[in-house]
Amino acid sequence: MDSASAKTVAVDEFGTLWRITARYEEDIALVDLLNSTPEPDDSFKRYVLRVPPDQTVSRDAIGWTFGLPPGPTAPRR
């Protein structure tokens, strides 16, 4: 993320939320996470997903990708 001048917004047990400030457009927010379901070889895939720029909590940003509202209904470990 360093090459894109991304700033860390939030880090929690679910992942890392990054923001890239765009000069002439809407900021870009990305959540970086590991899939909690292991692959057949027991590895875990890493995903970087774009989320709305108003997200401030990693857990809520991941929940947003599933259509869940922020708060206790967001993903659990």
N, C-alpha and C. Protein backbone atom coordinates (compact mmCIF):
# COMPACT_ATOMS: atom_id res chain seq x y z
N MET A 1 0.81 -1.20 0.00
CA MET A 1 0.00 0.00 0.00
C MET A 1 0.86 1.27 0.00
N ASP A 2 2.10 1.18 0.39
CA ASP A 2 2.95 2.36 0.45
C ASP A 2 3.10 3.05 -0.90
N SER A 3 3.18 2.27 -1.97
CA SER A 3 3.39 2.88 -3.28
C SER A 3 2.20 3.73 -3.73
N ALA A 4 1.05 3.51 -3.14
CA ALA A 4 -0.15 4.28 -3.49
C ALA A 4 -0.40 5.41 -2.50
N SER A 5 0.53 5.66 -1.59
CA SER A 5 0.38 6.69 -0.56
C SER A 5 -0.84 6.45 0.31
N ALA A 6 -1.11 5.19 0.61
CA ALA A 6 -2.26 4.84 1.45
C ALA A 6 -1.93 5.11 2.91
N LYS A 7 -2.91 5.60 3.63
CA LYS A 7 -2.78 5.86 5.07
C LYS A 7 -3.63 4.84 5.82
N THR A 8 -3.10 4.32 6.91
CA THR A 8 -3.86 3.40 7.75
C THR A 8 -4.93 4.18 8.50
N VAL A 9 -6.18 3.74 8.40
CA VAL A 9 -7.31 4.36 9.09
C VAL A 9 -7.61 3.60 10.36
N ALA A 10 -7.64 2.26 10.28
CA ALA A 10 -7.99 1.43 11.43
C ALA A 10 -7.40 0.04 11.25
N VAL A 11 -7.02 -0.55 12.38
CA VAL A 11 -6.54 -1.93 12.40
C VAL A 11 -7.26 -2.63 13.53
N ASP A 12 -7.82 -3.80 13.24
CA ASP A 12 -8.42 -4.61 14.30
C ASP A 12 -8.20 -6.08 13.96
N GLU A 13 -8.80 -6.97 14.73
CA GLU A 13 -8.59 -8.40 14.52
C GLU A 13 -9.15 -8.89 13.18
N PHE A 14 -9.94 -8.08 12.51
CA PHE A 14 -10.56 -8.47 11.25
C PHE A 14 -9.75 -8.05 10.03
N GLY A 15 -8.97 -6.98 10.15
CA GLY A 15 -8.19 -6.51 9.02
C GLY A 15 -7.70 -5.09 9.20
N THR A 16 -7.22 -4.52 8.11
CA THR A 16 -6.70 -3.16 8.10
C THR A 16 -7.49 -2.34 7.09
N LEU A 17 -7.91 -1.16 7.53
CA LEU A 17 -8.63 -0.24 6.65
C LEU A 17 -7.66 0.84 6.22
N TRP A 18 -7.55 1.05 4.91
CA TRP A 18 -6.64 2.02 4.32
C TRP A 18 -7.43 3.09 3.59
N ARG A 19 -6.84 4.28 3.49
CA ARG A 19 -7.45 5.35 2.70
C ARG A 19 -6.38 5.97 1.81
N ILE A 20 -6.75 6.18 0.56
CA ILE A 20 -5.90 6.88 -0.40
C ILE A 20 -6.62 8.18 -0.73
N THR A 21 -5.98 9.29 -0.44
CA THR A 21 -6.59 10.58 -0.71
C THR A 21 -6.40 10.92 -2.18
N ALA A 22 -7.51 11.17 -2.84
CA ALA A 22 -7.49 11.52 -4.25
C ALA A 22 -7.57 13.03 -4.39
N ARG A 23 -6.75 13.58 -5.24
CA ARG A 23 -6.69 15.03 -5.38
C ARG A 23 -7.97 15.61 -5.95
N TYR A 24 -8.50 15.01 -6.99
CA TYR A 24 -9.64 15.61 -7.69
C TYR A 24 -10.90 14.76 -7.64
N GLU A 25 -10.84 13.64 -6.98
CA GLU A 25 -11.98 12.74 -6.92
C GLU A 25 -12.21 12.29 -5.48
N GLU A 26 -13.21 11.45 -5.31
CA GLU A 26 -13.53 10.88 -4.00
C GLU A 26 -12.36 10.02 -3.51
N ASP A 27 -12.08 10.10 -2.20
CA ASP A 27 -11.04 9.25 -1.62
C ASP A 27 -11.36 7.78 -1.87
N ILE A 28 -10.33 6.96 -1.86
CA ILE A 28 -10.49 5.52 -2.04
C ILE A 28 -10.21 4.85 -0.71
N ALA A 29 -11.13 4.00 -0.27
CA ALA A 29 -10.94 3.23 0.96
C ALA A 29 -10.87 1.76 0.59
N LEU A 30 -9.91 1.07 1.21
CA LEU A 30 -9.69 -0.35 0.96
C LEU A 30 -9.57 -1.08 2.28
N VAL A 31 -10.14 -2.26 2.36
CA VAL A 31 -9.97 -3.08 3.56
C VAL A 31 -9.16 -4.31 3.15
N ASP A 32 -8.11 -4.58 3.91
CA ASP A 32 -7.17 -5.66 3.67
C ASP A 32 -7.45 -6.74 4.71
N LEU A 33 -7.76 -7.96 4.28
CA LEU A 33 -8.15 -9.00 5.23
C LEU A 33 -7.71 -10.37 4.76
N LEU A 34 -7.69 -11.31 5.70
CA LEU A 34 -7.46 -12.72 5.39
C LEU A 34 -8.79 -13.44 5.46
N ASN A 35 -9.06 -14.28 4.48
CA ASN A 35 -10.27 -15.08 4.50
C ASN A 35 -10.20 -16.01 5.71
N SER A 36 -11.27 -16.14 6.46
CA SER A 36 -11.25 -16.99 7.66
C SER A 36 -11.44 -18.46 7.34
N THR A 37 -11.79 -18.78 6.09
CA THR A 37 -11.95 -20.17 5.68
C THR A 37 -10.68 -20.63 4.99
N PRO A 38 -10.04 -21.69 5.50
CA PRO A 38 -8.79 -22.14 4.88
C PRO A 38 -9.02 -22.73 3.49
N GLU A 39 -8.01 -22.58 2.66
CA GLU A 39 -8.00 -23.20 1.34
C GLU A 39 -7.71 -24.70 1.52
N PRO A 40 -7.87 -25.50 0.46
CA PRO A 40 -7.60 -26.94 0.58
C PRO A 40 -6.19 -27.26 1.08
N ASP A 41 -5.23 -26.36 0.81
CA ASP A 41 -3.85 -26.59 1.28
C ASP A 41 -3.60 -25.98 2.66
N ASP A 42 -4.67 -25.60 3.36
CA ASP A 42 -4.63 -24.99 4.70
C ASP A 42 -4.05 -23.58 4.73
N SER A 43 -3.86 -22.96 3.58
CA SER A 43 -3.43 -21.55 3.56
C SER A 43 -4.68 -20.67 3.64
N PHE A 44 -4.46 -19.38 3.86
CA PHE A 44 -5.56 -18.42 3.93
C PHE A 44 -5.33 -17.34 2.89
N LYS A 45 -6.33 -17.10 2.04
CA LYS A 45 -6.20 -16.09 1.00
C LYS A 45 -6.33 -14.69 1.58
N ARG A 46 -5.52 -13.80 1.05
CA ARG A 46 -5.58 -12.38 1.41
C ARG A 46 -6.42 -11.67 0.37
N TYR A 47 -7.29 -10.78 0.83
CA TYR A 47 -8.14 -10.00 -0.05
C TYR A 47 -7.98 -8.52 0.28
N VAL A 48 -8.02 -7.69 -0.74
CA VAL A 48 -8.09 -6.25 -0.58
C VAL A 48 -9.34 -5.81 -1.33
N LEU A 49 -10.31 -5.29 -0.57
CA LEU A 49 -11.62 -4.95 -1.13
C LEU A 49 -11.87 -3.46 -1.02
N ARG A 50 -12.41 -2.88 -2.07
CA ARG A 50 -12.77 -1.46 -2.01
C ARG A 50 -14.09 -1.31 -1.26
N VAL A 51 -14.13 -0.30 -0.39
CA VAL A 51 -15.32 -0.02 0.42
C VAL A 51 -15.60 1.48 0.34
N PRO A 52 -16.77 1.93 0.79
CA PRO A 52 -17.07 3.37 0.74
C PRO A 52 -16.06 4.17 1.57
N PRO A 53 -15.71 5.36 1.11
CA PRO A 53 -14.70 6.16 1.80
C PRO A 53 -15.12 6.66 3.18
N ASP A 54 -16.40 6.54 3.53
CA ASP A 54 -16.82 6.99 4.86
C ASP A 54 -16.63 5.92 5.93
N GLN A 55 -16.13 4.76 5.57
CA GLN A 55 -15.89 3.69 6.55
C GLN A 55 -14.74 4.10 7.48
N THR A 56 -14.88 3.79 8.78
CA THR A 56 -13.85 4.16 9.75
C THR A 56 -13.38 2.98 10.60
N VAL A 57 -14.06 1.83 10.50
CA VAL A 57 -13.73 0.66 11.31
C VAL A 57 -13.59 -0.54 10.37
N SER A 58 -12.50 -1.29 10.50
CA SER A 58 -12.27 -2.43 9.61
C SER A 58 -13.42 -3.42 9.64
N ARG A 59 -13.86 -3.77 10.83
CA ARG A 59 -14.94 -4.75 10.99
C ARG A 59 -16.21 -4.29 10.25
N ASP A 60 -16.56 -3.04 10.42
CA ASP A 60 -17.75 -2.51 9.75
C ASP A 60 -17.57 -2.47 8.23
N ALA A 61 -16.36 -2.17 7.77
CA ALA A 61 -16.09 -2.13 6.33
C ALA A 61 -16.25 -3.52 5.73
N ILE A 62 -15.77 -4.54 6.42
CA ILE A 62 -15.94 -5.92 5.95
C ILE A 62 -17.42 -6.28 5.95
N GLY A 63 -18.12 -5.92 7.02
CA GLY A 63 -19.56 -6.17 7.09
C GLY A 63 -20.30 -5.52 5.93
N TRP A 64 -19.88 -4.31 5.56
CA TRP A 64 -20.50 -3.60 4.44
C TRP A 64 -20.45 -4.45 3.17
N THR A 65 -19.33 -5.18 2.95
CA THR A 65 -19.21 -5.99 1.74
C THR A 65 -20.24 -7.11 1.70
N PHE A 66 -20.81 -7.45 2.85
CA PHE A 66 -21.86 -8.48 2.94
C PHE A 66 -23.24 -7.86 3.07
N GLY A 67 -23.33 -6.53 2.98
CA GLY A 67 -24.62 -5.86 3.09
C GLY A 67 -25.11 -5.72 4.52
N LEU A 68 -24.19 -5.84 5.50
CA LEU A 68 -24.57 -5.74 6.91
C LEU A 68 -24.40 -4.32 7.41
N PRO A 69 -25.27 -3.86 8.32
CA PRO A 69 -25.10 -2.53 8.91
C PRO A 69 -23.93 -2.54 9.89
N PRO A 70 -23.38 -1.36 10.21
CA PRO A 70 -22.28 -1.29 11.17
C PRO A 70 -22.73 -1.76 12.55
N GLY A 71 -21.76 -2.17 13.35
CA GLY A 71 -22.06 -2.54 14.74
C GLY A 71 -22.03 -4.04 14.97
N PRO A 72 -22.82 -4.49 15.93
CA PRO A 72 -22.73 -5.89 16.38
C PRO A 72 -23.13 -6.92 15.33
N THR A 73 -23.80 -6.51 14.27
CA THR A 73 -24.18 -7.48 13.23
C THR A 73 -23.05 -7.72 12.24
N ALA A 74 -21.98 -6.96 12.34
CA ALA A 74 -20.84 -7.13 11.43
C ALA A 74 -20.18 -8.49 11.69
N PRO A 75 -19.25 -8.90 10.85
CA PRO A 75 -18.63 -10.23 10.98
C PRO A 75 -18.06 -10.49 12.37
N ARG A 76 -18.08 -11.75 12.75
CA ARG A 76 -17.51 -12.17 14.04
C ARG A 76 -16.38 -13.14 13.78
N ARG A 77 -15.47 -13.22 14.73
CA ARG A 77 -14.37 -14.20 14.64
C ARG A 77 -14.77 -15.45 15.35
